[in-house]
Protein backbone atom coordinates (compact mmCIF):
# COMPACT_ATOMS: atom_id res chain seq x y z
CA MET A 1 -270.43 -39.14 4.15
CA ASN A 2 -274.18 -38.70 3.98
CA TYR A 3 -277.14 -40.90 3.13
CA GLU A 4 -277.46 -39.81 -0.51
CA ASN A 5 -273.78 -40.52 -1.27
CA TYR A 6 -273.92 -43.82 0.60
CA LYS A 7 -277.08 -44.89 -1.22
CA LYS A 8 -275.59 -43.96 -4.61
CA GLY A 9 -272.40 -45.93 -3.92
CA LEU A 10 -274.43 -48.86 -2.66
CA GLN A 11 -276.63 -48.99 -5.76
CA GLU A 12 -273.98 -48.20 -8.37
CA MET A 13 -270.86 -49.91 -7.01
CA LEU A 14 -271.60 -52.41 -4.26
CA ILE A 15 -274.81 -54.19 -5.26
CA PRO A 16 -273.78 -54.88 -8.88
CA ASN A 17 -270.56 -56.51 -7.64
CA LEU A 18 -272.02 -58.64 -4.85
CA PRO A 19 -272.53 -62.37 -5.30
CA PRO A 20 -276.21 -63.37 -5.25
CA ARG A 21 -277.84 -63.71 -1.83
CA SER A 22 -274.99 -62.06 0.07
CA VAL A 23 -275.17 -61.22 3.77
CA LEU A 24 -274.15 -57.67 4.67
CA VAL A 25 -273.35 -56.55 8.21
CA VAL A 26 -274.28 -52.91 8.79
CA ASP A 27 -273.14 -50.78 11.71
CA ASN A 28 -274.91 -47.83 13.29
CA ALA A 29 -273.54 -44.93 11.25
CA SER A 30 -276.24 -42.30 10.80
CA TYR A 31 -276.28 -42.69 7.02
CA HIS A 32 -277.03 -46.43 7.43
CA ASN A 33 -280.01 -45.70 9.66
CA VAL A 34 -282.35 -43.57 7.56
CA GLN A 35 -285.78 -44.92 8.36
CA ALA A 36 -288.09 -45.95 5.54
CA GLU A 37 -290.97 -44.43 7.46
CA LYS A 38 -290.63 -42.18 10.47
CA CYS A 39 -292.09 -43.58 13.67
CA LEU A 40 -294.88 -41.52 15.12
CA THR A 41 -294.50 -40.07 18.59
CA MET A 42 -296.83 -38.28 20.94
CA SER A 43 -295.46 -35.02 19.54
CA SER A 44 -296.74 -35.93 16.05
CA THR A 45 -299.78 -33.92 15.03
CA LYS A 46 -303.29 -35.31 15.07
CA SER A 47 -303.51 -34.99 11.30
CA VAL A 48 -300.31 -37.02 10.84
CA MET A 49 -301.65 -39.71 13.16
CA LYS A 50 -304.98 -39.78 11.29
CA ASP A 51 -303.19 -40.07 7.94
CA TRP A 52 -301.08 -42.93 9.32
CA LEU A 53 -304.21 -44.75 10.52
CA ARG A 54 -306.04 -44.16 7.22
CA LYS A 55 -303.09 -45.47 5.23
CA ARG A 56 -303.34 -48.73 7.18
CA ASN A 57 -307.16 -48.88 7.08
CA LEU A 58 -307.37 -48.78 10.87
CA PRO A 59 -310.68 -47.58 12.30
CA PHE A 60 -310.84 -44.37 14.32
CA SER A 61 -313.26 -41.53 14.89
CA GLU A 62 -312.53 -38.06 13.51
CA ASP A 63 -313.36 -36.48 16.87
CA MET A 64 -310.97 -38.65 18.91
CA LEU A 65 -308.45 -36.99 21.18
CA LYS A 66 -304.79 -37.08 20.25
CA VAL A 67 -303.96 -39.39 23.17
CA ASP A 68 -306.57 -41.89 21.96
CA LEU A 69 -305.27 -41.75 18.39
CA TYR A 70 -301.76 -42.34 19.66
CA SER A 71 -302.95 -45.33 21.64
CA ILE A 72 -304.25 -46.92 18.42
CA VAL A 73 -300.99 -46.04 16.63
CA GLN A 74 -298.92 -47.68 19.37
CA SER A 75 -300.94 -50.87 19.25
CA HIS A 76 -300.44 -51.20 15.47
CA LYS A 77 -296.98 -49.80 14.78
CA PRO A 78 -294.30 -52.26 13.64
CA ARG A 79 -292.18 -53.86 16.31
CA PHE A 80 -288.94 -53.06 14.48
CA LYS A 81 -287.88 -50.01 12.52
CA ALA A 82 -287.60 -50.39 8.75
CA TYR A 83 -284.53 -48.82 7.18
CA GLU A 84 -284.14 -47.61 3.58
CA ILE A 85 -280.80 -49.39 3.11
CA ASP A 86 -282.30 -52.70 4.30
CA ARG A 87 -285.13 -52.40 1.78
CA ILE A 88 -282.76 -51.60 -1.08
CA LEU A 89 -280.55 -54.58 -0.26
CA CYS A 90 -283.47 -56.96 0.38
CA ASN A 91 -285.08 -55.95 -2.93
CA SER A 92 -281.76 -56.89 -4.56
CA GLY A 93 -281.89 -60.35 -2.95
CA HIS A 94 -279.44 -59.75 -0.10
CA LEU A 95 -279.76 -60.18 3.66
CA VAL A 96 -278.89 -57.39 6.11
CA LEU A 97 -277.66 -58.01 9.64
CA ARG A 98 -277.39 -54.98 11.91
CA LEU A 99 -274.83 -54.63 14.66
CA PRO A 100 -276.33 -53.75 18.03
CA PRO A 101 -275.56 -50.25 19.31
CA TYR A 102 -272.73 -49.79 21.80
CA HIS A 103 -270.96 -53.05 20.93
CA PRO A 104 -267.68 -51.95 19.31
CA ASP A 105 -266.22 -55.40 20.04
CA LEU A 106 -268.46 -56.77 17.25
CA ASN A 107 -267.21 -54.20 14.73
CA PRO A 108 -263.60 -54.89 13.63
CA ILE A 109 -263.02 -51.37 12.28
CA GLU A 110 -263.67 -49.99 15.77
CA LEU A 111 -260.89 -52.20 17.11
CA VAL A 112 -258.53 -50.95 14.39
CA TRP A 113 -259.37 -47.31 15.17
CA ALA A 114 -258.83 -47.92 18.90
CA ALA A 115 -255.40 -49.46 18.22
CA LEU A 116 -254.44 -46.60 15.89
CA LYS A 117 -255.52 -43.95 18.42
CA LYS A 118 -253.51 -45.70 21.14
CA TYR A 119 -250.44 -45.86 18.89
CA VAL A 120 -250.69 -42.14 18.05
CA ALA A 121 -251.21 -41.25 21.72
CA ASP A 122 -248.18 -43.32 22.78
CA LYS A 123 -245.87 -41.90 20.09
CA ASN A 124 -247.05 -38.30 20.23
CA VAL A 125 -245.15 -36.98 23.25
CA ASP A 126 -244.86 -33.35 22.07
CA PHE A 127 -248.55 -33.00 21.02
CA GLU A 128 -247.66 -32.40 17.37
CA VAL A 129 -249.06 -34.79 14.81
C-alpha cells in the first residue's frame, strides 16, 4: 500500500459511501501520514525559509542569518502537523481522529494481529508454515 493508492481508494470508494458527518479513526501507517506541507527544520535552506515566510507575509530582512530566519519560522509554524488525508476528509464534511503513536491497545487490528501471531507461534513447532 502507498499514499497514492490509499488516496484513490479513499476518494473513489470510501468517501462516496460514508454517511454525512462521519468520524474516522486513522492509525499511524505511513500512507496515512503524508503531510500537507512539510515542516521546516534547521537543515532547510535559507531560500526555502524565506519562501515560507513570504508566503505567510511575515516580515524578515533579506540579509538575515539562517538561524535568525529559523527563529521566526519556529515562532509562527503551526502547533500541529496538517495531513493530506485529514484535509480530504474534512473537505468532504467528515471528522478525523488520529490514534496516538505507540498505543496498539487503542487499535483493534493490532490486537487481532498479536493474537494471530501467538496462535501461529504456538502451533508451528517444526518451523514450517
